Amino acid sequence: MPTSEPTGTALLLTICGVLLAVSVLSSRASQRIGVPIALFFLVVGILAGSEGIGGIPFSDFRLAFRMGTLALTLILFDGGLNTPLEVVRRVWAPAGVLAFVGVVLMAGLVAGVARLGGLEWPAALVLGAIVSSTDAAATFAVLRASGLQLKRRVAATLEVESGVNDPAAVILTMTLALNLVRPGELQLMEMLLGIVTQLLIGAVIGIGAGYLGRALISRLHLVTGGLYPALLLAFGLLSFGVATLAQGSGFLAVYLTGIVLGNGPLPYRAGLFRIFDALAWLSQIGMFLMLGLLVFPSRLGEMALLGVIVALLLALVIRPLVVALCLAPFRYPRNETLFIGWVGLRGAVPIVLATFPVLVGAPGADRIFHLVFFIVVLSAIIPGATVAWATRRLGLESREPPAPHAVLAIESRVPLLGELVSFYIDDALVVCGLRLDELDFPEGASVALVVRGDQLVPPKGGTVLRPGDHVYVVVEPEDRPLIQLMFGRPEEG
């Protein structure tokens, strides 16, 4: 008997609230154990599903695909906003080879293993394409929980690779899945030309939408600051939609739009970034909960052996081999190559893509979906649980200063003439141990705040700068080089 309103809506919101709260609270367990938090979201979804203790029936793959597409759009847009242009410039060549050549090689090798395991070639290729993308955010989350930071070039390579290989995997998966439904319609050269065309269209529209957004935002004066996140989101969604309707890669477009917008002047910048970070986390929680709800544990048994074999070979052999081949021309040290090859964690993208073959009625789609489940889970357990250990073992832990317990930021609708810059004080700095009134500051510069552990220290002339302090300095752009001679390299973020 259908539930009457408003009871039905209230029940639905209660269920959503409980699932969200349990997922977020489980992050503490993830931090203690050292595995990606996404694995816990997945477990919550399975327990809440039709064969779990929650008994929630959910098998609407069309709704799942639409929700997944929106979630992935938000995740990629947030990823673009948080990607500094200097990071892209530093590693665009190796990350690009990993993202495009690497995706194709991994898809082919995984397909070969799946074919030996009994899947037909078309279905095996679709499976390979689905699991060929990676999620750098999962790696960084594990490192943050362990109090570690990666060396910059390694972190930048993983970050840019994961942002660009998502669109590549999406295009490859959808092309191969449609070919699985209508075999023989697409020839190899036609398929490759179509992939390149989609990437080019997506890149042009994404960059164009980003610069259009920057020009419009700089000229607009909205009535309230709360409308700026909505405007930014509108450009992200428009970028995806227009690129997709133009037969381009919407996911590449929205990622590039995020990069262009994020590297330009934005009003209320820190607040905007926090909002989109929260939206990306909500999207990721929703994706893994949805996968858990869609999975029927009783059907996993028949695919368990092949799923485990594919997942293990992908983690232990295929990903490391492909990374070594792709990075060979760029002379990465062996420890960096080993680490990048090892931490190929899978995230939200394979979940979204796994619903597409089911949606279009591809033969063997149910088997592909459950194989993806095993691969996502095992990539979280095996490489995921060893990320912190591998970072230390391979000597890739960055000597970056710890983050301050309190952060001072300036929120403004218009660009300001001055800057607020944060510096970490260590023993090697000339200013360490000096009083503020002993420092020869330029006329337009002054210390705004000193953060010392859990204390906020108001700056006075007699305040002594100690090792471990985080110092916030108000400085005019022309004086910044002099301030950096005194305080060293600014902290990031």
Protein backbone atom coordinates (compact mmCIF):
# COMPACT_ATOMS: atom_id res chain seq x y z
CA MET A 1 0.00 0.00 0.00
CA PRO A 2 1.52 3.36 -1.04
CA THR A 3 2.47 5.71 1.79
CA SER A 4 0.42 8.92 1.87
CA GLU A 5 1.99 12.37 1.83
CA PRO A 6 3.61 14.05 3.66
CA THR A 7 4.50 10.81 5.46
CA GLY A 8 6.21 9.30 2.39
CA THR A 9 8.44 12.32 1.88
CA ALA A 10 9.26 12.51 5.58
CA LEU A 11 10.20 8.82 5.57
CA LEU A 12 12.44 9.28 2.52
CA LEU A 13 14.22 12.28 4.08
CA THR A 14 14.67 10.37 7.34
CA ILE A 15 16.28 7.46 5.50
CA CYS A 16 18.56 9.84 3.57
CA GLY A 17 19.53 11.61 6.79
CA VAL A 18 20.35 8.35 8.58
CA LEU A 19 22.43 7.03 5.66
CA LEU A 20 24.30 10.33 5.34
CA ALA A 21 24.98 10.57 9.08
CA VAL A 22 26.20 6.97 9.34
CA SER A 23 28.43 7.45 6.29
CA VAL A 24 30.02 10.62 7.65
CA LEU A 25 30.50 9.21 11.15
CA SER A 26 32.19 6.13 9.71
CA SER A 27 35.01 8.38 8.52
CA ARG A 28 36.53 8.12 12.00
CA ALA A 29 36.88 4.36 11.60
CA SER A 30 38.41 4.89 8.16
CA GLN A 31 41.02 7.21 9.66
CA ARG A 32 42.00 4.69 12.34
CA ILE A 33 42.22 1.71 9.97
CA GLY A 34 43.92 3.63 7.16
CA VAL A 35 41.69 2.65 4.22
CA PRO A 36 39.82 5.07 1.93
CA ILE A 37 36.63 6.38 3.48
CA ALA A 38 34.73 5.49 0.29
CA LEU A 39 34.90 1.82 1.28
CA PHE A 40 32.85 2.58 4.38
CA PHE A 41 30.26 4.47 2.32
CA LEU A 42 29.98 1.37 0.15
CA VAL A 43 29.48 -0.93 3.15
CA VAL A 44 26.76 1.37 4.50
CA GLY A 45 24.97 1.15 1.15
CA ILE A 46 25.14 -2.66 1.08
CA LEU A 47 23.83 -2.93 4.65
CA ALA A 48 20.98 -0.56 3.80
CA GLY A 49 20.10 -2.39 0.56
CA SER A 50 17.36 -4.88 -0.20
CA GLU A 51 19.45 -7.84 1.02
CA GLY A 52 20.89 -5.97 4.01
CA ILE A 53 19.47 -5.01 7.38
CA GLY A 54 17.92 -1.85 5.93
CA GLY A 55 15.88 -3.69 3.31
CA ILE A 56 15.72 -0.65 1.00
CA PRO A 57 14.79 -1.80 -2.53
CA PHE A 58 16.66 0.09 -5.26
CA SER A 59 17.32 -1.13 -8.80
CA ASP A 60 16.61 1.94 -10.96
CA PHE A 61 19.74 2.11 -13.15
CA ARG A 62 18.41 5.05 -15.18
CA LEU A 63 18.00 7.16 -12.05
CA ALA A 64 21.37 5.91 -10.81
CA PHE A 65 23.06 6.97 -14.06
CA ARG A 66 21.50 10.44 -13.97
CA MET A 67 22.38 10.95 -10.32
CA GLY A 68 25.86 9.63 -11.01
CA THR A 69 26.39 11.96 -13.95
CA LEU A 70 25.40 14.98 -11.84
CA ALA A 71 27.61 13.81 -8.98
CA LEU A 72 30.59 13.23 -11.25
CA THR A 73 30.08 16.66 -12.83
CA LEU A 74 30.27 18.25 -9.37
CA ILE A 75 33.32 16.17 -8.38
CA LEU A 76 35.24 17.11 -11.54
CA PHE A 77 34.23 20.78 -11.29
CA ASP A 78 35.50 20.90 -7.71
CA GLY A 79 38.67 19.11 -8.78
CA GLY A 80 39.26 21.70 -11.48
CA LEU A 81 38.65 24.62 -9.10
CA ASN A 82 41.30 23.23 -6.74
CA THR A 83 43.94 22.53 -9.42
CA PRO A 84 46.52 25.35 -9.62
CA LEU A 85 47.65 26.18 -13.14
CA GLU A 86 51.29 25.82 -12.06
CA VAL A 87 50.56 22.19 -11.17
CA VAL A 88 49.14 21.56 -14.65
CA ARG A 89 52.14 23.25 -16.31
CA ARG A 90 54.59 21.21 -14.23
CA VAL A 91 53.27 17.75 -15.14
CA TRP A 92 50.93 18.14 -18.12
CA ALA A 93 53.03 15.91 -20.40
CA PRO A 94 53.52 12.84 -18.14
CA ALA A 95 50.04 13.16 -16.64
CA GLY A 96 48.54 13.48 -20.13
CA VAL A 97 50.30 10.34 -21.36
CA LEU A 98 49.11 8.46 -18.26
CA ALA A 99 45.58 9.78 -18.70
CA PHE A 100 45.15 8.88 -22.38
CA VAL A 101 47.70 6.26 -23.40
CA GLY A 102 47.55 4.73 -19.93
CA VAL A 103 43.77 4.41 -20.00
CA VAL A 104 43.86 2.61 -23.35
CA LEU A 105 46.66 0.26 -22.27
CA MET A 106 45.01 -0.57 -18.95
CA ALA A 107 41.66 -1.14 -20.63
CA GLY A 108 43.26 -3.53 -23.12
CA LEU A 109 45.22 -5.50 -20.52
CA VAL A 110 42.26 -5.81 -18.13
CA ALA A 111 40.14 -6.92 -21.09
CA GLY A 112 42.70 -9.63 -21.86
CA VAL A 113 42.49 -10.98 -18.31
CA ALA A 114 38.68 -10.84 -18.35
CA ARG A 115 38.62 -12.65 -21.70
CA LEU A 116 40.73 -15.46 -20.27
CA GLY A 117 38.24 -15.55 -17.39
CA GLY A 118 35.31 -16.23 -19.71
CA LEU A 119 33.96 -12.84 -20.80
CA GLU A 120 33.48 -12.25 -24.52
CA TRP A 121 35.84 -9.68 -26.06
CA PRO A 122 33.29 -6.83 -26.40
CA ALA A 123 32.17 -7.16 -22.75
CA ALA A 124 35.77 -7.58 -21.58
CA LEU A 125 36.79 -4.35 -23.33
CA VAL A 126 33.90 -2.47 -21.71
CA LEU A 127 35.01 -3.75 -18.28
CA GLY A 128 38.58 -2.65 -18.98
CA ALA A 129 37.46 0.84 -19.98
CA ILE A 130 35.26 1.21 -16.88
CA VAL A 131 38.05 0.45 -14.39
CA SER A 132 40.83 2.33 -16.21
CA SER A 133 40.35 5.66 -14.42
CA THR A 134 41.83 6.54 -11.02
CA ASP A 135 40.88 8.73 -8.07
CA ALA A 136 43.72 10.81 -6.60
CA ALA A 137 41.38 12.27 -3.96
CA ALA A 138 41.13 8.85 -2.29
CA THR A 139 44.93 8.66 -2.06
CA PHE A 140 45.26 12.18 -0.63
CA ALA A 141 42.49 11.50 1.91
CA VAL A 142 44.38 8.48 3.28
CA LEU A 143 47.59 10.52 3.49
CA ARG A 144 45.87 13.38 5.31
CA ALA A 145 44.42 10.91 7.82
CA SER A 146 47.97 9.66 8.45
CA GLY A 147 49.38 13.18 8.77
CA LEU A 148 51.53 12.76 5.64
CA GLN A 149 52.09 14.85 2.52
CA LEU A 150 53.46 13.64 -0.80
CA LYS A 151 56.34 15.25 -2.63
CA ARG A 152 55.02 17.87 -5.01
CA ARG A 153 55.76 16.30 -8.39
CA VAL A 154 54.24 12.95 -7.41
CA ALA A 155 51.13 14.59 -5.95
CA ALA A 156 50.76 16.83 -9.02
CA THR A 157 51.10 13.90 -11.42
CA LEU A 158 48.43 11.87 -9.60
CA GLU A 159 46.12 14.89 -9.35
CA VAL A 160 46.22 15.90 -13.02
CA GLU A 161 46.14 12.28 -14.23
CA SER A 162 42.99 11.52 -12.24
CA GLY A 163 41.27 14.70 -13.44
CA VAL A 164 41.95 14.02 -17.13
CA ASN A 165 41.66 10.22 -17.23
CA ASP A 166 38.06 10.37 -16.02
CA PRO A 167 36.81 11.93 -19.30
CA ALA A 168 39.00 9.53 -21.31
CA ALA A 169 37.53 6.52 -19.48
CA VAL A 170 33.98 7.85 -19.90
CA ILE A 171 34.36 8.31 -23.67
CA LEU A 172 35.98 4.89 -24.11
CA THR A 173 33.36 3.13 -21.99
CA MET A 174 30.35 4.68 -23.69
CA THR A 175 31.78 4.08 -27.16
CA LEU A 176 32.54 0.41 -26.42
CA ALA A 177 29.24 -0.16 -24.59
CA LEU A 178 27.23 1.15 -27.54
CA ASN A 179 29.32 -1.01 -29.84
CA LEU A 180 28.45 -3.96 -27.58
CA VAL A 181 24.74 -3.26 -28.14
CA ARG A 182 25.17 -2.69 -31.90
CA PRO A 183 28.20 -4.81 -32.83
CA GLY A 184 30.02 -4.06 -36.06
CA GLU A 185 28.61 -0.56 -36.59
CA LEU A 186 31.84 1.23 -35.58
CA GLN A 187 35.21 0.54 -37.18
CA LEU A 188 38.42 1.03 -35.19
CA MET A 189 39.59 4.20 -37.00
CA GLU A 190 36.11 5.69 -36.81
CA MET A 191 36.05 4.96 -33.07
CA LEU A 192 39.47 6.56 -32.49
CA LEU A 193 38.55 9.62 -34.56
CA GLY A 194 35.33 9.98 -32.56
CA ILE A 195 37.24 9.85 -29.26
CA VAL A 196 39.73 12.54 -30.38
CA THR A 197 36.89 14.72 -31.68
CA GLN A 198 35.00 14.47 -28.39
CA LEU A 199 38.10 15.46 -26.44
CA LEU A 200 38.81 18.45 -28.69
CA ILE A 201 35.22 19.72 -28.57
CA GLY A 202 35.13 19.27 -24.79
CA ALA A 203 38.43 21.13 -24.36
CA VAL A 204 37.38 24.09 -26.51
CA ILE A 205 33.97 24.47 -24.84
CA GLY A 206 35.36 23.92 -21.34
CA ILE A 207 38.10 26.54 -21.68
CA GLY A 208 35.73 28.94 -23.44
CA ALA A 209 33.07 28.58 -20.72
CA GLY A 210 35.70 29.17 -18.06
CA TYR A 211 36.93 32.43 -19.59
CA LEU A 212 33.36 33.57 -20.25
CA GLY A 213 32.57 32.92 -16.60
CA ARG A 214 35.64 34.84 -15.44
CA ALA A 215 34.71 37.85 -17.58
CA LEU A 216 31.11 37.85 -16.38
CA ILE A 217 31.90 37.36 -12.69
CA SER A 218 34.43 40.22 -12.71
CA ARG A 219 31.77 42.62 -14.04
CA LEU A 220 28.78 41.47 -12.00
CA HIS A 221 27.79 42.85 -8.62
CA LEU A 222 25.20 40.42 -7.27
CA VAL A 223 22.88 41.48 -4.46
CA THR A 224 24.21 38.86 -2.03
CA GLY A 225 27.33 36.75 -1.71
CA GLY A 226 25.23 33.58 -1.56
CA LEU A 227 24.45 33.88 -5.28
CA TYR A 228 28.08 33.54 -6.42
CA PRO A 229 28.26 29.77 -5.74
CA ALA A 230 25.06 29.36 -7.74
CA LEU A 231 26.55 31.33 -10.63
CA LEU A 232 29.74 29.27 -10.59
CA LEU A 233 27.71 26.06 -10.52
CA ALA A 234 25.66 27.33 -13.47
CA PHE A 235 28.81 27.70 -15.57
CA GLY A 236 29.93 24.20 -14.62
CA LEU A 237 26.59 22.64 -15.57
CA LEU A 238 26.34 24.69 -18.78
CA SER A 239 29.84 23.65 -19.77
CA PHE A 240 28.98 19.97 -19.33
CA GLY A 241 25.60 20.25 -21.05
CA VAL A 242 26.69 22.30 -24.07
CA ALA A 243 29.77 20.14 -24.68
CA THR A 244 27.74 16.93 -24.48
CA LEU A 245 25.03 18.28 -26.80
CA ALA A 246 27.79 19.29 -29.24
CA GLN A 247 29.00 15.65 -29.27
CA GLY A 248 32.00 16.53 -27.11
CA SER A 249 33.27 15.33 -23.74
CA GLY A 250 31.16 17.05 -21.11
CA PHE A 251 33.34 15.71 -18.30
CA LEU A 252 36.55 17.13 -19.78
CA ALA A 253 34.73 20.41 -20.40
CA VAL A 254 33.54 20.81 -16.81
CA TYR A 255 37.00 19.92 -15.43
CA LEU A 256 38.69 22.54 -17.64
CA THR A 257 36.02 25.12 -16.80
CA GLY A 258 36.81 24.54 -13.13
CA ILE A 259 40.56 25.01 -13.75
CA VAL A 260 40.05 28.29 -15.64
CA LEU A 261 37.63 29.69 -13.04
CA GLY A 262 39.69 28.50 -10.08
CA ASN A 263 42.84 30.18 -11.36
CA GLY A 264 41.17 33.53 -11.90
CA PRO A 265 39.99 36.22 -9.47
CA LEU A 266 36.90 35.03 -7.60
CA PRO A 267 34.77 36.89 -5.05
CA TYR A 268 34.54 35.23 -1.62
CA ARG A 269 37.11 32.72 -2.86
CA ALA A 270 37.67 30.69 0.33
CA GLY A 271 33.95 30.38 0.98
CA LEU A 272 33.26 29.29 -2.60
CA PHE A 273 35.89 26.57 -2.38
CA ARG A 274 34.46 25.23 0.90
CA ILE A 275 30.97 25.03 -0.63
CA PHE A 276 32.13 23.07 -3.67
CA ASP A 277 34.31 20.83 -1.52
CA ALA A 278 31.20 19.95 0.50
CA LEU A 279 29.21 19.31 -2.70
CA ALA A 280 31.96 17.01 -3.98
CA TRP A 281 31.97 15.03 -0.74
CA LEU A 282 28.18 14.70 -0.81
CA SER A 283 28.43 13.49 -4.40
CA GLN A 284 31.05 10.91 -3.51
CA ILE A 285 29.02 9.65 -0.55
CA GLY A 286 25.96 9.38 -2.79
CA MET A 287 27.88 7.43 -5.45
CA PHE A 288 29.19 4.78 -3.10
CA LEU A 289 25.91 4.49 -1.21
CA MET A 290 24.16 4.01 -4.54
CA LEU A 291 26.58 1.29 -5.62
CA GLY A 292 25.98 -0.47 -2.32
CA LEU A 293 22.21 -0.26 -2.78
CA LEU A 294 22.43 -1.59 -6.36
CA VAL A 295 24.60 -4.57 -5.43
CA PHE A 296 22.87 -7.84 -4.58
CA PRO A 297 25.31 -9.83 -2.39
CA SER A 298 23.57 -13.09 -3.35
CA ARG A 299 24.65 -12.56 -6.98
CA LEU A 300 28.30 -11.87 -6.19
CA GLY A 301 29.33 -15.48 -5.68
CA GLU A 302 29.47 -16.49 -9.34
CA MET A 303 31.71 -13.51 -10.21
CA ALA A 304 33.86 -13.58 -7.06
CA LEU A 305 36.80 -15.57 -8.42
CA LEU A 306 37.13 -13.62 -11.68
CA GLY A 307 36.55 -10.32 -9.87
CA VAL A 308 39.29 -10.99 -7.34
CA ILE A 309 41.74 -12.15 -10.05
CA VAL A 310 41.12 -9.07 -12.23
CA ALA A 311 41.36 -6.72 -9.23
CA LEU A 312 44.61 -8.27 -7.97
CA LEU A 313 46.26 -8.30 -11.39
CA LEU A 314 45.16 -4.70 -12.02
CA ALA A 315 46.66 -3.55 -8.70
CA LEU A 316 49.79 -5.70 -8.64
CA VAL A 317 50.78 -6.03 -12.32
CA ILE A 318 48.78 -4.05 -14.89
CA ARG A 319 48.73 -0.57 -13.33
CA PRO A 320 52.43 -0.65 -12.26
CA LEU A 321 53.48 -1.95 -15.70
CA VAL A 322 51.48 0.66 -17.63
CA VAL A 323 52.74 3.49 -15.40
CA ALA A 324 56.35 2.35 -15.88
CA LEU A 325 55.91 2.34 -19.67
CA CYS A 326 54.15 5.72 -19.78
CA LEU A 327 56.62 7.50 -17.48
CA ALA A 328 59.78 5.99 -19.00
CA PRO A 329 60.34 8.93 -21.43
CA PHE A 330 60.07 11.46 -18.58
CA ARG A 331 62.87 10.02 -16.41
CA TYR A 332 60.90 9.75 -13.19
CA PRO A 333 62.98 8.21 -10.38
CA ARG A 334 62.19 4.57 -9.67
CA ASN A 335 60.59 5.28 -6.27
CA GLU A 336 58.19 7.84 -7.79
CA THR A 337 57.26 5.50 -10.65
CA LEU A 338 56.64 2.63 -8.22
CA PHE A 339 54.42 4.79 -6.02
CA ILE A 340 52.34 6.22 -8.88
CA GLY A 341 51.89 2.69 -10.22
CA TRP A 342 50.85 1.34 -6.85
CA VAL A 343 48.22 3.89 -5.78
CA GLY A 344 45.76 3.52 -8.65
CA LEU A 345 42.72 3.66 -6.38
CA ARG A 346 39.30 3.56 -8.03
CA GLY A 347 36.67 6.12 -7.06
CA ALA A 348 33.26 7.35 -8.13
CA VAL A 349 33.82 7.15 -11.90
CA PRO A 350 33.71 3.33 -12.29
CA ILE A 351 30.50 3.31 -10.25
CA VAL A 352 28.78 5.70 -12.65
CA LEU A 353 30.16 3.94 -15.72
CA ALA A 354 29.15 0.49 -14.46
CA THR A 355 25.50 1.53 -14.69
CA PHE A 356 25.75 2.54 -18.37
CA PRO A 357 25.98 -0.96 -19.94
CA VAL A 358 22.96 -2.02 -17.85
CA LEU A 359 21.08 1.11 -18.93
CA VAL A 360 21.62 0.50 -22.67
CA GLY A 361 20.85 -3.22 -22.37
CA ALA A 362 24.33 -4.46 -23.26
CA PRO A 363 24.84 -8.25 -23.16
CA GLY A 364 26.61 -9.32 -19.96
CA ALA A 365 26.00 -5.95 -18.30
CA ASP A 366 25.02 -7.50 -14.95
CA ARG A 367 28.28 -9.47 -14.81
CA ILE A 368 30.27 -6.34 -15.67
CA PHE A 369 28.54 -4.39 -12.89
CA HIS A 370 29.38 -6.95 -10.21
CA LEU A 371 32.97 -7.30 -11.46
CA VAL A 372 33.38 -3.53 -11.07
CA PHE A 373 32.20 -3.92 -7.47
CA PHE A 374 35.05 -6.31 -6.67
CA ILE A 375 37.63 -4.13 -8.39
CA VAL A 376 36.55 -0.94 -6.57
CA VAL A 377 36.50 -2.70 -3.20
CA LEU A 378 39.84 -4.45 -3.59
CA SER A 379 41.57 -1.33 -4.92
CA ALA A 380 40.46 0.39 -1.72
CA ILE A 381 41.62 -2.44 0.54
CA ILE A 382 44.98 -3.42 -1.00
CA PRO A 383 46.70 -0.29 -2.35
CA GLY A 384 44.46 1.94 -0.23
CA ALA A 385 45.48 0.45 3.11
CA THR A 386 49.18 0.68 2.21
CA VAL A 387 49.33 4.25 0.85
CA ALA A 388 50.86 5.72 4.02
CA TRP A 389 53.32 2.81 4.38
CA ALA A 390 54.39 3.09 0.72
CA THR A 391 54.90 6.85 1.06
CA ARG A 392 57.34 6.37 3.93
CA ARG A 393 58.99 3.24 2.52
CA LEU A 394 59.73 4.89 -0.84
CA GLY A 395 60.94 8.12 0.72
CA LEU A 396 58.23 10.30 -0.82
CA GLU A 397 57.04 12.04 2.33
CA SER A 398 57.19 15.79 1.80
CA ARG A 399 58.83 18.03 4.38
CA GLU A 400 55.95 20.47 4.15
CA PRO A 401 55.08 22.24 7.43
CA PRO A 402 52.01 21.04 9.34
CA ALA A 403 48.73 22.86 8.73
CA PRO A 404 47.83 25.50 11.33
CA HIS A 405 45.08 24.73 13.84
CA ALA A 406 43.36 27.99 12.87
CA VAL A 407 43.22 29.67 9.47
CA LEU A 408 42.83 33.39 8.83
CA ALA A 409 41.27 34.38 5.52
CA ILE A 410 39.86 37.52 3.91
CA GLU A 411 36.51 37.26 2.11
CA SER A 412 35.84 40.05 -0.39
CA ARG A 413 33.49 40.60 -3.32
CA VAL A 414 36.07 42.64 -5.25
CA PRO A 415 39.83 42.06 -5.75
CA LEU A 416 41.88 43.78 -3.04
CA LEU A 417 45.14 45.68 -3.53
CA GLY A 418 46.86 43.87 -0.65
CA GLU A 419 47.31 40.17 0.16
CA LEU A 420 47.14 38.07 3.32
CA VAL A 421 50.01 35.56 3.17
CA SER A 422 50.77 32.75 5.62
CA PHE A 423 54.31 31.65 6.56
CA TYR A 424 55.60 28.78 8.70
CA ILE A 425 58.46 29.60 11.08
CA ASP A 426 61.24 27.05 11.41
CA ASP A 427 64.70 27.16 12.98
CA ALA A 428 66.46 27.94 9.70
CA LEU A 429 64.71 31.28 9.12
CA VAL A 430 66.51 34.47 10.03
CA VAL A 431 63.34 35.84 11.68
CA CYS A 432 63.06 32.88 14.07
CA GLY A 433 63.67 34.05 17.65
CA LEU A 434 63.30 37.74 16.82
CA ARG A 435 60.71 40.15 18.19
CA LEU A 436 58.32 41.73 15.69
CA ASP A 437 59.68 45.21 16.46
CA GLU A 438 63.13 43.97 15.43
CA LEU A 439 61.95 43.16 11.90
CA ASP A 440 62.47 45.72 9.13
CA PHE A 441 59.03 45.58 7.49
CA PRO A 442 58.18 47.61 4.36
CA GLU A 443 55.77 50.49 4.92
CA GLY A 444 52.80 48.56 3.49
CA ALA A 445 53.31 45.30 5.41
CA SER A 446 52.44 44.13 8.92
CA VAL A 447 51.77 40.93 10.86
CA ALA A 448 48.03 40.34 11.28
CA LEU A 449 48.05 37.19 13.44
CA VAL A 450 50.35 34.53 14.89
CA VAL A 451 48.92 31.01 15.31
CA ARG A 452 50.89 29.02 17.90
CA GLY A 453 49.48 25.52 18.37
CA ASP A 454 45.97 26.01 19.75
CA GLN A 455 46.62 29.65 20.64
CA LEU A 456 45.86 32.83 18.71
CA VAL A 457 48.64 35.28 19.57
CA PRO A 458 47.80 38.97 18.93
CA PRO A 459 50.87 40.51 17.25
CA LYS A 460 52.65 43.15 19.33
CA GLY A 461 56.08 44.70 19.12
CA GLY A 462 57.44 42.36 21.80
CA THR A 463 55.95 39.17 20.29
CA VAL A 464 58.78 36.68 19.64
CA LEU A 465 58.50 34.39 16.61
CA ARG A 466 59.04 30.78 17.69
CA PRO A 467 59.64 27.58 15.71
CA GLY A 468 56.30 26.08 14.68
CA ASP A 469 54.45 29.41 14.53
CA HIS A 470 52.20 30.22 11.58
CA VAL A 471 52.43 33.94 10.81
CA TYR A 472 49.86 35.82 8.72
CA VAL A 473 51.30 38.91 7.04
CA VAL A 474 49.34 41.64 5.25
CA VAL A 475 51.49 42.72 2.32
CA GLU A 476 51.20 44.75 -0.87
CA PRO A 477 52.08 42.83 -4.07
CA GLU A 478 55.24 44.87 -4.78
CA ASP A 479 56.57 44.10 -1.27
CA ARG A 480 55.97 40.36 -1.40
CA PRO A 481 59.47 39.40 -2.70
CA LEU A 482 61.09 41.21 0.26
CA ILE A 483 58.73 39.55 2.76
CA GLN A 484 59.53 36.14 1.25
CA LEU A 485 63.25 36.81 1.69
CA MET A 486 62.53 37.23 5.40
CA PHE A 487 59.94 34.47 5.93
CA GLY A 488 60.68 31.98 3.14
CA ARG A 489 58.15 30.28 0.86
CA PRO A 490 54.48 30.96 1.71
CA GLU A 491 52.27 28.14 2.92
CA GLU A 492 49.82 26.70 0.40
CA GLY A 493 46.06 27.14 0.69
